[in-house]
N, C-alpha and C. Protein backbone atom coordinates (compact mmCIF):
# COMPACT_ATOMS: atom_id res chain seq x y z
N MET A 1 4.44 -136.24 -15.66
CA MET A 1 5.80 -136.69 -15.73
C MET A 1 5.90 -137.79 -16.78
N LYS A 2 6.71 -137.54 -17.80
CA LYS A 2 6.81 -138.48 -18.91
C LYS A 2 8.05 -139.36 -18.85
N SER A 3 9.13 -138.85 -18.23
CA SER A 3 10.37 -139.62 -18.18
C SER A 3 11.15 -139.31 -16.92
N LEU A 4 11.87 -140.31 -16.43
CA LEU A 4 12.71 -140.14 -15.26
C LEU A 4 14.11 -140.65 -15.56
N CYS A 5 15.09 -139.90 -15.12
CA CYS A 5 16.48 -140.32 -15.21
C CYS A 5 16.80 -141.11 -13.96
N ILE A 6 17.26 -142.33 -14.12
CA ILE A 6 17.62 -143.18 -13.00
C ILE A 6 19.14 -143.35 -12.98
N TYR A 7 19.74 -142.93 -11.87
CA TYR A 7 21.16 -143.14 -11.64
C TYR A 7 21.29 -144.38 -10.76
N CYS A 8 22.16 -145.30 -11.14
CA CYS A 8 22.33 -146.51 -10.34
C CYS A 8 23.63 -147.20 -10.70
N GLY A 9 23.97 -148.21 -9.92
CA GLY A 9 25.25 -148.88 -10.06
C GLY A 9 25.39 -149.74 -11.30
N SER A 10 26.63 -149.84 -11.78
CA SER A 10 26.95 -150.79 -12.85
C SER A 10 27.29 -152.14 -12.24
N SER A 11 27.08 -152.26 -10.93
CA SER A 11 27.19 -153.52 -10.20
C SER A 11 25.81 -153.83 -9.62
N PRO A 12 25.50 -155.11 -9.39
CA PRO A 12 24.21 -155.42 -8.77
C PRO A 12 24.21 -155.22 -7.26
N GLY A 13 25.39 -154.97 -6.67
CA GLY A 13 25.47 -154.79 -5.23
C GLY A 13 25.65 -156.09 -4.49
N ALA A 14 25.71 -156.00 -3.16
CA ALA A 14 26.06 -157.14 -2.32
C ALA A 14 24.87 -158.03 -1.98
N THR A 15 23.66 -157.54 -2.20
CA THR A 15 22.47 -158.29 -1.81
C THR A 15 21.40 -158.21 -2.89
N PRO A 16 20.59 -159.24 -3.05
CA PRO A 16 19.55 -159.24 -4.09
C PRO A 16 18.46 -158.19 -3.87
N VAL A 17 18.42 -157.57 -2.70
CA VAL A 17 17.39 -156.57 -2.43
C VAL A 17 17.51 -155.39 -3.40
N TYR A 18 18.72 -155.08 -3.86
CA TYR A 18 18.91 -153.96 -4.78
C TYR A 18 18.32 -154.27 -6.16
N ALA A 19 18.57 -155.49 -6.64
CA ALA A 19 18.00 -155.89 -7.93
C ALA A 19 16.48 -155.92 -7.86
N GLN A 20 15.94 -156.40 -6.74
CA GLN A 20 14.49 -156.43 -6.58
C GLN A 20 13.92 -155.02 -6.59
N ALA A 21 14.60 -154.09 -5.95
CA ALA A 21 14.15 -152.70 -5.94
C ALA A 21 14.18 -152.10 -7.35
N ALA A 22 15.19 -152.46 -8.13
CA ALA A 22 15.26 -151.97 -9.51
C ALA A 22 14.08 -152.50 -10.33
N ARG A 23 13.73 -153.76 -10.13
CA ARG A 23 12.58 -154.33 -10.85
C ARG A 23 11.27 -153.67 -10.40
N GLU A 24 11.15 -153.40 -9.12
CA GLU A 24 9.94 -152.75 -8.61
C GLU A 24 9.81 -151.33 -9.13
N LEU A 25 10.93 -150.61 -9.21
CA LEU A 25 10.89 -149.26 -9.77
C LEU A 25 10.51 -149.31 -11.24
N ALA A 26 11.08 -150.26 -11.98
CA ALA A 26 10.74 -150.42 -13.39
C ALA A 26 9.24 -150.68 -13.55
N GLN A 27 8.71 -151.57 -12.75
CA GLN A 27 7.29 -151.90 -12.84
C GLN A 27 6.42 -150.68 -12.53
N ALA A 28 6.76 -149.95 -11.48
CA ALA A 28 5.99 -148.76 -11.11
C ALA A 28 6.04 -147.71 -12.22
N MET A 29 7.20 -147.54 -12.84
CA MET A 29 7.33 -146.57 -13.92
C MET A 29 6.49 -146.98 -15.13
N VAL A 30 6.58 -148.24 -15.52
CA VAL A 30 5.82 -148.71 -16.68
C VAL A 30 4.32 -148.59 -16.42
N GLU A 31 3.87 -148.96 -15.22
CA GLU A 31 2.45 -148.85 -14.88
C GLU A 31 1.96 -147.41 -14.96
N GLN A 32 2.85 -146.46 -14.69
CA GLN A 32 2.46 -145.04 -14.72
C GLN A 32 2.87 -144.37 -16.03
N ASN A 33 3.28 -145.18 -17.01
CA ASN A 33 3.65 -144.69 -18.33
C ASN A 33 4.77 -143.65 -18.27
N ILE A 34 5.77 -143.94 -17.43
CA ILE A 34 6.94 -143.08 -17.29
C ILE A 34 8.12 -143.79 -17.95
N ALA A 35 8.74 -143.13 -18.91
CA ALA A 35 9.87 -143.71 -19.63
C ALA A 35 11.15 -143.63 -18.79
N LEU A 36 12.02 -144.60 -18.99
CA LEU A 36 13.31 -144.65 -18.33
C LEU A 36 14.36 -143.94 -19.19
N VAL A 37 15.15 -143.09 -18.54
CA VAL A 37 16.36 -142.53 -19.13
C VAL A 37 17.48 -142.94 -18.17
N TYR A 38 18.56 -143.50 -18.71
CA TYR A 38 19.64 -143.97 -17.84
C TYR A 38 20.93 -144.03 -18.64
N GLY A 39 21.98 -144.55 -17.99
CA GLY A 39 23.33 -144.52 -18.57
C GLY A 39 23.63 -145.45 -19.71
N GLY A 40 22.68 -146.30 -20.12
CA GLY A 40 22.83 -147.07 -21.34
C GLY A 40 23.55 -148.40 -21.23
N GLY A 41 23.99 -148.79 -20.03
CA GLY A 41 24.69 -150.06 -19.88
C GLY A 41 23.75 -151.23 -19.68
N ASN A 42 24.28 -152.44 -19.87
CA ASN A 42 23.46 -153.64 -19.64
C ASN A 42 24.01 -154.49 -18.51
N VAL A 43 24.80 -153.88 -17.61
CA VAL A 43 25.36 -154.59 -16.47
C VAL A 43 24.84 -153.97 -15.17
N GLY A 44 24.89 -154.74 -14.10
CA GLY A 44 24.52 -154.25 -12.78
C GLY A 44 23.07 -153.80 -12.70
N LEU A 45 22.80 -152.88 -11.77
CA LEU A 45 21.44 -152.36 -11.62
C LEU A 45 20.99 -151.64 -12.88
N MET A 46 21.94 -151.05 -13.61
CA MET A 46 21.59 -150.38 -14.87
C MET A 46 20.91 -151.35 -15.83
N GLY A 47 21.54 -152.49 -16.01
CA GLY A 47 20.97 -153.49 -16.91
C GLY A 47 19.69 -154.08 -16.40
N ILE A 48 19.60 -154.28 -15.08
CA ILE A 48 18.41 -154.89 -14.50
C ILE A 48 17.18 -154.00 -14.70
N ILE A 49 17.31 -152.72 -14.41
CA ILE A 49 16.15 -151.84 -14.55
C ILE A 49 15.76 -151.68 -16.02
N ALA A 50 16.76 -151.58 -16.90
CA ALA A 50 16.45 -151.44 -18.33
C ALA A 50 15.79 -152.70 -18.87
N ASP A 51 16.31 -153.86 -18.52
CA ASP A 51 15.72 -155.13 -18.96
C ASP A 51 14.27 -155.24 -18.51
N GLU A 52 14.02 -154.85 -17.25
CA GLU A 52 12.66 -154.99 -16.72
C GLU A 52 11.70 -154.02 -17.38
N VAL A 53 12.14 -152.79 -17.62
CA VAL A 53 11.29 -151.83 -18.33
C VAL A 53 10.93 -152.37 -19.71
N MET A 54 11.91 -152.87 -20.42
CA MET A 54 11.65 -153.39 -21.76
C MET A 54 10.77 -154.65 -21.71
N ARG A 55 11.03 -155.54 -20.75
CA ARG A 55 10.23 -156.76 -20.63
C ARG A 55 8.76 -156.43 -20.38
N LEU A 56 8.51 -155.37 -19.64
CA LEU A 56 7.14 -154.98 -19.31
C LEU A 56 6.48 -154.10 -20.38
N GLY A 57 7.20 -153.84 -21.46
CA GLY A 57 6.63 -153.07 -22.55
C GLY A 57 6.78 -151.57 -22.44
N GLY A 58 7.69 -151.12 -21.57
CA GLY A 58 7.92 -149.69 -21.41
C GLY A 58 8.94 -149.15 -22.40
N GLN A 59 9.28 -147.90 -22.19
CA GLN A 59 10.25 -147.21 -23.04
C GLN A 59 11.53 -146.97 -22.25
N ALA A 60 12.68 -147.27 -22.84
CA ALA A 60 13.97 -147.08 -22.18
C ALA A 60 14.95 -146.44 -23.14
N THR A 61 15.50 -145.31 -22.72
CA THR A 61 16.51 -144.60 -23.50
C THR A 61 17.82 -144.59 -22.73
N GLY A 62 18.87 -145.06 -23.37
CA GLY A 62 20.19 -145.07 -22.77
C GLY A 62 21.07 -144.01 -23.41
N VAL A 63 21.99 -143.48 -22.61
CA VAL A 63 22.97 -142.50 -23.10
C VAL A 63 24.33 -142.96 -22.58
N ILE A 64 25.21 -143.31 -23.50
CA ILE A 64 26.51 -143.86 -23.08
C ILE A 64 27.64 -143.24 -23.90
N PRO A 65 28.74 -142.88 -23.25
CA PRO A 65 29.90 -142.37 -24.00
C PRO A 65 30.59 -143.49 -24.78
N GLN A 66 31.15 -143.12 -25.88
CA GLN A 66 31.85 -144.08 -26.74
C GLN A 66 32.89 -144.87 -25.92
N ALA A 67 33.63 -144.19 -25.05
CA ALA A 67 34.69 -144.84 -24.27
C ALA A 67 34.16 -145.89 -23.30
N LEU A 68 32.89 -145.79 -22.90
CA LEU A 68 32.32 -146.74 -21.96
C LEU A 68 31.46 -147.81 -22.64
N LEU A 69 31.31 -147.69 -23.93
CA LEU A 69 30.43 -148.60 -24.65
C LEU A 69 30.81 -150.06 -24.41
N LYS A 70 32.11 -150.35 -24.41
CA LYS A 70 32.57 -151.72 -24.18
C LYS A 70 32.67 -152.05 -22.69
N LYS A 71 33.12 -151.10 -21.87
CA LYS A 71 33.28 -151.35 -20.43
C LYS A 71 31.95 -151.60 -19.75
N GLU A 72 30.96 -150.77 -20.04
CA GLU A 72 29.65 -150.93 -19.43
C GLU A 72 28.72 -151.77 -20.30
N LEU A 73 29.26 -152.28 -21.40
CA LEU A 73 28.50 -153.14 -22.30
C LEU A 73 27.19 -152.49 -22.68
N GLY A 74 27.26 -151.56 -23.61
CA GLY A 74 26.08 -150.83 -24.07
C GLY A 74 24.93 -151.77 -24.38
N HIS A 75 23.78 -151.39 -23.90
CA HIS A 75 22.56 -152.21 -24.02
C HIS A 75 22.01 -152.11 -25.44
N ASN A 76 21.86 -153.24 -26.12
CA ASN A 76 21.38 -153.25 -27.50
C ASN A 76 19.88 -153.44 -27.62
N GLY A 77 19.18 -153.68 -26.50
CA GLY A 77 17.75 -153.97 -26.58
C GLY A 77 16.86 -152.84 -26.11
N LEU A 78 17.32 -151.61 -26.23
CA LEU A 78 16.56 -150.45 -25.73
C LEU A 78 15.68 -149.85 -26.81
N THR A 79 14.77 -149.01 -26.38
CA THR A 79 13.98 -148.23 -27.33
C THR A 79 14.90 -147.34 -28.14
N GLN A 80 15.88 -146.74 -27.44
CA GLN A 80 16.84 -145.87 -28.10
C GLN A 80 18.14 -145.85 -27.30
N LEU A 81 19.28 -145.87 -27.99
CA LEU A 81 20.58 -145.76 -27.35
C LEU A 81 21.36 -144.65 -28.04
N HIS A 82 21.68 -143.63 -27.26
CA HIS A 82 22.51 -142.52 -27.76
C HIS A 82 23.95 -142.79 -27.38
N ILE A 83 24.84 -142.73 -28.35
CA ILE A 83 26.27 -142.86 -28.09
C ILE A 83 26.86 -141.47 -28.23
N VAL A 84 27.45 -140.97 -27.13
CA VAL A 84 27.94 -139.60 -27.08
C VAL A 84 29.45 -139.59 -26.89
N LYS A 85 30.05 -138.40 -26.99
CA LYS A 85 31.52 -138.33 -26.96
C LYS A 85 32.12 -138.43 -25.57
N ASP A 86 31.44 -137.93 -24.53
CA ASP A 86 32.06 -137.95 -23.21
C ASP A 86 31.01 -137.90 -22.10
N MET A 87 31.48 -137.94 -20.85
CA MET A 87 30.58 -137.95 -19.69
C MET A 87 29.79 -136.65 -19.57
N HIS A 88 30.39 -135.54 -19.92
CA HIS A 88 29.67 -134.25 -19.83
C HIS A 88 28.46 -134.25 -20.76
N GLU A 89 28.68 -134.72 -21.98
CA GLU A 89 27.57 -134.79 -22.94
C GLU A 89 26.53 -135.80 -22.47
N ARG A 90 26.97 -136.91 -21.90
CA ARG A 90 26.06 -137.93 -21.39
C ARG A 90 25.13 -137.34 -20.33
N LYS A 91 25.71 -136.70 -19.32
CA LYS A 91 24.91 -136.17 -18.22
C LYS A 91 23.97 -135.06 -18.67
N ALA A 92 24.46 -134.22 -19.57
CA ALA A 92 23.61 -133.13 -20.08
C ALA A 92 22.42 -133.69 -20.86
N MET A 93 22.66 -134.69 -21.70
CA MET A 93 21.58 -135.27 -22.49
C MET A 93 20.58 -135.99 -21.58
N MET A 94 21.09 -136.74 -20.61
CA MET A 94 20.19 -137.44 -19.69
C MET A 94 19.30 -136.43 -18.96
N ALA A 95 19.87 -135.32 -18.53
CA ALA A 95 19.09 -134.29 -17.83
C ALA A 95 18.06 -133.67 -18.75
N ASP A 96 18.45 -133.39 -19.99
CA ASP A 96 17.53 -132.76 -20.94
C ASP A 96 16.35 -133.68 -21.28
N LEU A 97 16.59 -134.98 -21.31
CA LEU A 97 15.55 -135.94 -21.68
C LEU A 97 14.61 -136.30 -20.53
N SER A 98 14.88 -135.78 -19.32
CA SER A 98 14.18 -136.24 -18.12
C SER A 98 13.37 -135.15 -17.44
N ASP A 99 12.28 -135.60 -16.80
CA ASP A 99 11.43 -134.70 -16.02
C ASP A 99 11.74 -134.78 -14.53
N GLY A 100 12.65 -135.63 -14.14
CA GLY A 100 13.05 -135.79 -12.75
C GLY A 100 14.18 -136.79 -12.66
N PHE A 101 14.73 -136.94 -11.44
CA PHE A 101 15.92 -137.75 -11.24
C PHE A 101 15.75 -138.61 -10.00
N ILE A 102 16.16 -139.88 -10.10
CA ILE A 102 16.16 -140.78 -8.95
C ILE A 102 17.51 -141.47 -8.88
N ALA A 103 18.12 -141.44 -7.70
CA ALA A 103 19.35 -142.19 -7.47
C ALA A 103 19.00 -143.45 -6.69
N MET A 104 19.27 -144.59 -7.30
CA MET A 104 19.19 -145.88 -6.62
C MET A 104 20.56 -146.14 -5.99
N PRO A 105 20.71 -147.21 -5.25
CA PRO A 105 22.05 -147.54 -4.75
C PRO A 105 23.06 -147.63 -5.90
N GLY A 106 24.25 -147.18 -5.61
CA GLY A 106 25.30 -147.18 -6.61
C GLY A 106 26.60 -146.71 -5.98
N GLY A 107 27.59 -146.47 -6.82
CA GLY A 107 28.91 -146.08 -6.35
C GLY A 107 29.18 -144.60 -6.53
N ILE A 108 30.44 -144.29 -6.69
CA ILE A 108 30.89 -142.90 -6.80
C ILE A 108 30.25 -142.21 -8.00
N GLY A 109 30.13 -142.92 -9.13
CA GLY A 109 29.51 -142.31 -10.31
C GLY A 109 28.06 -141.92 -10.06
N THR A 110 27.34 -142.78 -9.35
CA THR A 110 25.95 -142.49 -9.01
C THR A 110 25.88 -141.24 -8.14
N LEU A 111 26.76 -141.17 -7.14
CA LEU A 111 26.79 -140.00 -6.25
C LEU A 111 27.16 -138.74 -7.02
N GLU A 112 28.11 -138.86 -7.92
CA GLU A 112 28.54 -137.69 -8.71
C GLU A 112 27.38 -137.16 -9.54
N GLU A 113 26.64 -138.05 -10.17
CA GLU A 113 25.50 -137.64 -10.98
C GLU A 113 24.41 -137.02 -10.11
N LEU A 114 24.15 -137.65 -8.96
CA LEU A 114 23.15 -137.12 -8.04
C LEU A 114 23.52 -135.72 -7.58
N PHE A 115 24.76 -135.54 -7.13
CA PHE A 115 25.15 -134.24 -6.60
C PHE A 115 25.21 -133.17 -7.67
N GLU A 116 25.47 -133.54 -8.90
CA GLU A 116 25.45 -132.55 -9.97
C GLU A 116 24.04 -131.99 -10.15
N VAL A 117 23.03 -132.87 -10.25
CA VAL A 117 21.67 -132.35 -10.45
C VAL A 117 21.14 -131.68 -9.19
N PHE A 118 21.61 -132.12 -8.02
CA PHE A 118 21.26 -131.46 -6.75
C PHE A 118 21.83 -130.04 -6.75
N THR A 119 23.08 -129.89 -7.16
CA THR A 119 23.70 -128.57 -7.25
C THR A 119 22.96 -127.69 -8.25
N TRP A 120 22.62 -128.25 -9.40
CA TRP A 120 21.89 -127.47 -10.41
C TRP A 120 20.56 -126.97 -9.85
N ALA A 121 19.87 -127.82 -9.08
CA ALA A 121 18.61 -127.40 -8.47
C ALA A 121 18.85 -126.30 -7.44
N GLN A 122 19.88 -126.46 -6.63
CA GLN A 122 20.21 -125.47 -5.61
C GLN A 122 20.51 -124.12 -6.25
N LEU A 123 21.15 -124.14 -7.40
CA LEU A 123 21.49 -122.91 -8.11
C LEU A 123 20.34 -122.36 -8.95
N GLY A 124 19.25 -123.11 -9.03
CA GLY A 124 18.09 -122.66 -9.79
C GLY A 124 18.16 -122.95 -11.28
N PHE A 125 19.05 -123.86 -11.69
CA PHE A 125 19.17 -124.19 -13.11
C PHE A 125 18.04 -125.10 -13.58
N HIS A 126 17.40 -125.81 -12.67
CA HIS A 126 16.22 -126.60 -13.00
C HIS A 126 15.33 -126.68 -11.77
N GLN A 127 14.09 -127.07 -11.99
CA GLN A 127 13.15 -127.24 -10.89
C GLN A 127 12.45 -128.60 -11.02
N LYS A 128 13.25 -129.61 -11.29
CA LYS A 128 12.75 -130.97 -11.42
C LYS A 128 12.95 -131.71 -10.10
N PRO A 129 12.08 -132.66 -9.78
CA PRO A 129 12.26 -133.40 -8.52
C PRO A 129 13.49 -134.31 -8.55
N ILE A 130 14.10 -134.45 -7.38
CA ILE A 130 15.27 -135.30 -7.22
C ILE A 130 15.00 -136.23 -6.04
N GLY A 131 15.12 -137.53 -6.29
CA GLY A 131 14.82 -138.49 -5.24
C GLY A 131 15.93 -139.49 -4.99
N LEU A 132 15.92 -140.01 -3.77
CA LEU A 132 16.78 -141.13 -3.38
C LEU A 132 15.87 -142.32 -3.14
N LEU A 133 16.10 -143.41 -3.86
CA LEU A 133 15.41 -144.66 -3.54
C LEU A 133 16.28 -145.33 -2.49
N ASN A 134 15.90 -145.12 -1.23
CA ASN A 134 16.71 -145.50 -0.09
C ASN A 134 16.48 -146.97 0.28
N VAL A 135 16.89 -147.83 -0.62
CA VAL A 135 16.67 -149.28 -0.48
C VAL A 135 17.43 -149.81 0.73
N ASP A 136 16.69 -150.42 1.64
CA ASP A 136 17.29 -151.07 2.81
C ASP A 136 18.21 -150.12 3.58
N GLY A 137 17.85 -148.82 3.60
CA GLY A 137 18.63 -147.82 4.34
C GLY A 137 19.96 -147.45 3.69
N PHE A 138 20.13 -147.77 2.40
CA PHE A 138 21.41 -147.53 1.72
C PHE A 138 21.88 -146.09 1.88
N TYR A 139 20.98 -145.13 1.81
CA TYR A 139 21.36 -143.71 1.85
C TYR A 139 21.21 -143.07 3.23
N ASN A 140 20.99 -143.85 4.27
CA ASN A 140 20.82 -143.26 5.60
C ASN A 140 22.02 -142.41 6.02
N GLY A 141 23.21 -142.92 5.80
CA GLY A 141 24.42 -142.17 6.16
C GLY A 141 24.54 -140.87 5.39
N LEU A 142 24.20 -140.90 4.10
CA LEU A 142 24.25 -139.69 3.29
C LEU A 142 23.23 -138.67 3.79
N LEU A 143 22.03 -139.12 4.10
CA LEU A 143 21.00 -138.21 4.60
C LEU A 143 21.42 -137.60 5.94
N GLN A 144 22.07 -138.38 6.78
CA GLN A 144 22.59 -137.84 8.04
C GLN A 144 23.67 -136.81 7.79
N PHE A 145 24.54 -137.08 6.81
CA PHE A 145 25.61 -136.12 6.51
C PHE A 145 25.04 -134.82 5.95
N ILE A 146 24.01 -134.92 5.13
CA ILE A 146 23.37 -133.69 4.61
C ILE A 146 22.82 -132.87 5.77
N GLN A 147 22.21 -133.53 6.76
CA GLN A 147 21.74 -132.79 7.94
C GLN A 147 22.90 -132.20 8.73
N HIS A 148 24.04 -132.87 8.72
CA HIS A 148 25.25 -132.31 9.35
C HIS A 148 25.67 -131.03 8.63
N MET A 149 25.62 -131.03 7.30
CA MET A 149 25.95 -129.81 6.55
C MET A 149 25.00 -128.68 6.93
N VAL A 150 23.72 -129.02 7.13
CA VAL A 150 22.74 -128.00 7.54
C VAL A 150 23.11 -127.47 8.92
N SER A 151 23.39 -128.37 9.86
CA SER A 151 23.70 -127.93 11.23
C SER A 151 24.97 -127.10 11.28
N GLN A 152 25.89 -127.34 10.35
CA GLN A 152 27.14 -126.57 10.29
C GLN A 152 27.02 -125.34 9.40
N ARG A 153 25.83 -125.10 8.90
CA ARG A 153 25.49 -123.90 8.11
C ARG A 153 26.27 -123.81 6.79
N PHE A 154 26.48 -124.98 6.17
CA PHE A 154 27.01 -125.00 4.81
C PHE A 154 25.90 -125.26 3.80
N LEU A 155 24.72 -125.59 4.30
CA LEU A 155 23.56 -125.87 3.46
C LEU A 155 22.33 -125.43 4.25
N LYS A 156 21.43 -124.74 3.57
CA LYS A 156 20.19 -124.33 4.23
C LYS A 156 19.23 -125.52 4.32
N GLY A 157 18.43 -125.55 5.36
CA GLY A 157 17.46 -126.61 5.53
C GLY A 157 16.54 -126.74 4.34
N GLU A 158 16.12 -125.61 3.78
CA GLU A 158 15.24 -125.63 2.61
C GLU A 158 15.93 -126.25 1.40
N GLN A 159 17.25 -126.07 1.31
CA GLN A 159 18.00 -126.67 0.21
C GLN A 159 18.12 -128.18 0.41
N ALA A 160 18.32 -128.60 1.65
CA ALA A 160 18.39 -130.04 1.93
C ALA A 160 17.08 -130.73 1.57
N GLU A 161 15.97 -130.01 1.71
CA GLU A 161 14.66 -130.58 1.42
C GLU A 161 14.41 -130.79 -0.06
N ILE A 162 15.32 -130.32 -0.91
CA ILE A 162 15.21 -130.58 -2.34
C ILE A 162 15.22 -132.10 -2.59
N LEU A 163 16.01 -132.83 -1.80
CA LEU A 163 16.10 -134.29 -1.96
C LEU A 163 14.90 -134.97 -1.32
N ILE A 164 14.24 -135.81 -2.09
CA ILE A 164 13.09 -136.57 -1.60
C ILE A 164 13.56 -138.01 -1.42
N ALA A 165 13.47 -138.53 -0.20
CA ALA A 165 13.95 -139.89 0.06
C ALA A 165 12.80 -140.78 0.50
N GLU A 166 12.71 -141.95 -0.13
CA GLU A 166 11.73 -142.97 0.23
C GLU A 166 12.35 -144.34 0.04
N ALA A 167 11.89 -145.30 0.81
CA ALA A 167 12.41 -146.67 0.73
C ALA A 167 11.74 -147.49 -0.36
N GLN A 168 10.52 -147.11 -0.76
CA GLN A 168 9.76 -147.87 -1.75
C GLN A 168 9.53 -147.04 -3.02
N ALA A 169 9.63 -147.70 -4.17
CA ALA A 169 9.46 -147.01 -5.45
C ALA A 169 8.11 -146.32 -5.56
N GLU A 170 7.04 -147.01 -5.19
CA GLU A 170 5.69 -146.43 -5.30
C GLU A 170 5.57 -145.15 -4.49
N ASP A 171 6.13 -145.16 -3.28
CA ASP A 171 6.06 -143.98 -2.41
C ASP A 171 6.84 -142.82 -3.01
N LEU A 172 8.00 -143.12 -3.57
CA LEU A 172 8.82 -142.08 -4.17
C LEU A 172 8.12 -141.47 -5.38
N LEU A 173 7.56 -142.30 -6.24
CA LEU A 173 6.85 -141.79 -7.42
C LEU A 173 5.61 -140.98 -7.01
N GLN A 174 4.95 -141.38 -5.95
CA GLN A 174 3.79 -140.63 -5.46
C GLN A 174 4.22 -139.23 -5.02
N ARG A 175 5.35 -139.14 -4.34
CA ARG A 175 5.84 -137.83 -3.92
C ARG A 175 6.28 -136.99 -5.12
N PHE A 176 6.81 -137.64 -6.15
CA PHE A 176 7.16 -136.91 -7.37
C PHE A 176 5.92 -136.32 -8.01
N LYS A 177 4.81 -137.07 -7.99
CA LYS A 177 3.56 -136.58 -8.59
C LYS A 177 3.06 -135.31 -7.91
N SER A 178 3.26 -135.22 -6.60
CA SER A 178 2.78 -134.06 -5.86
C SER A 178 3.86 -133.00 -5.68
N PHE A 179 5.00 -133.17 -6.34
CA PHE A 179 6.12 -132.24 -6.22
C PHE A 179 5.74 -130.85 -6.71
N VAL A 180 6.03 -129.87 -5.89
CA VAL A 180 5.85 -128.46 -6.26
C VAL A 180 7.22 -127.81 -6.14
N PRO A 181 7.77 -127.35 -7.26
CA PRO A 181 9.11 -126.76 -7.20
C PRO A 181 9.09 -125.46 -6.39
N HIS A 182 10.12 -125.27 -5.63
CA HIS A 182 10.31 -124.01 -4.94
C HIS A 182 11.78 -123.67 -4.98
N HIS A 183 12.05 -122.49 -5.43
CA HIS A 183 13.44 -122.05 -5.55
C HIS A 183 13.89 -121.44 -4.24
N VAL A 184 14.96 -121.95 -3.72
CA VAL A 184 15.57 -121.40 -2.51
C VAL A 184 16.85 -120.71 -2.94
N PRO A 185 16.93 -119.39 -2.78
CA PRO A 185 18.15 -118.69 -3.20
C PRO A 185 19.38 -119.25 -2.50
N LYS A 186 20.44 -119.50 -3.27
CA LYS A 186 21.68 -119.98 -2.69
C LYS A 186 22.41 -118.86 -1.98
N TRP A 187 22.44 -117.70 -2.60
CA TRP A 187 23.18 -116.59 -2.03
C TRP A 187 22.23 -115.67 -1.29
N LEU A 188 22.40 -115.64 0.00
CA LEU A 188 21.58 -114.80 0.85
C LEU A 188 22.49 -113.88 1.64
N ASP A 189 21.89 -112.92 2.28
CA ASP A 189 22.66 -112.07 3.18
C ASP A 189 23.39 -112.97 4.19
N ARG A 190 24.65 -112.74 4.39
CA ARG A 190 25.45 -113.62 5.25
C ARG A 190 24.91 -113.71 6.68
N ASN A 191 24.12 -112.75 7.10
CA ASN A 191 23.57 -112.78 8.45
C ASN A 191 22.35 -113.68 8.56
N THR A 192 21.80 -114.13 7.43
CA THR A 192 20.59 -114.94 7.47
C THR A 192 20.86 -116.42 7.29
N ILE A 193 22.11 -116.77 7.05
CA ILE A 193 22.44 -118.18 6.79
C ILE A 193 22.30 -119.03 8.02
């Protein structure tokens, strides 16, 4: 694994535990020679993880749309910053540049990015690992809701297992290392769902 796409908030969140988790993930990635791919901003958790990767001598590539360059304050201290025309191009480039995806705590944009790559995996468009860095139980409610979708037969259990959730960066990266892709068909005989 050479690079990971990290989805995270443009806010630092309500507690310093999120910033600490971003620094720990950055350190674990740099120690394992894994480059950061992210949204290109220098604010919130986005800026914290990018700053830490660069401070530790790692590689960080940002991808930011022209319209967000000023709002998210495009990071000028990266290994590389791609300025693209829109969010669609941003997400596609981030996915192309990455060998896996991790969602840290964040807002609606983080969830949207996470669910897009989750959907792509479910449909068989990629077989890259997808993880939740479940800092301080941030994603517990989401994980419970995903199990609710399984119990209501809108999602197969095998599809729910595409998401790898861990509370610590080291544990999550370890599971990524041992990740074996398995394609679960989305469309099955209606009697087998």
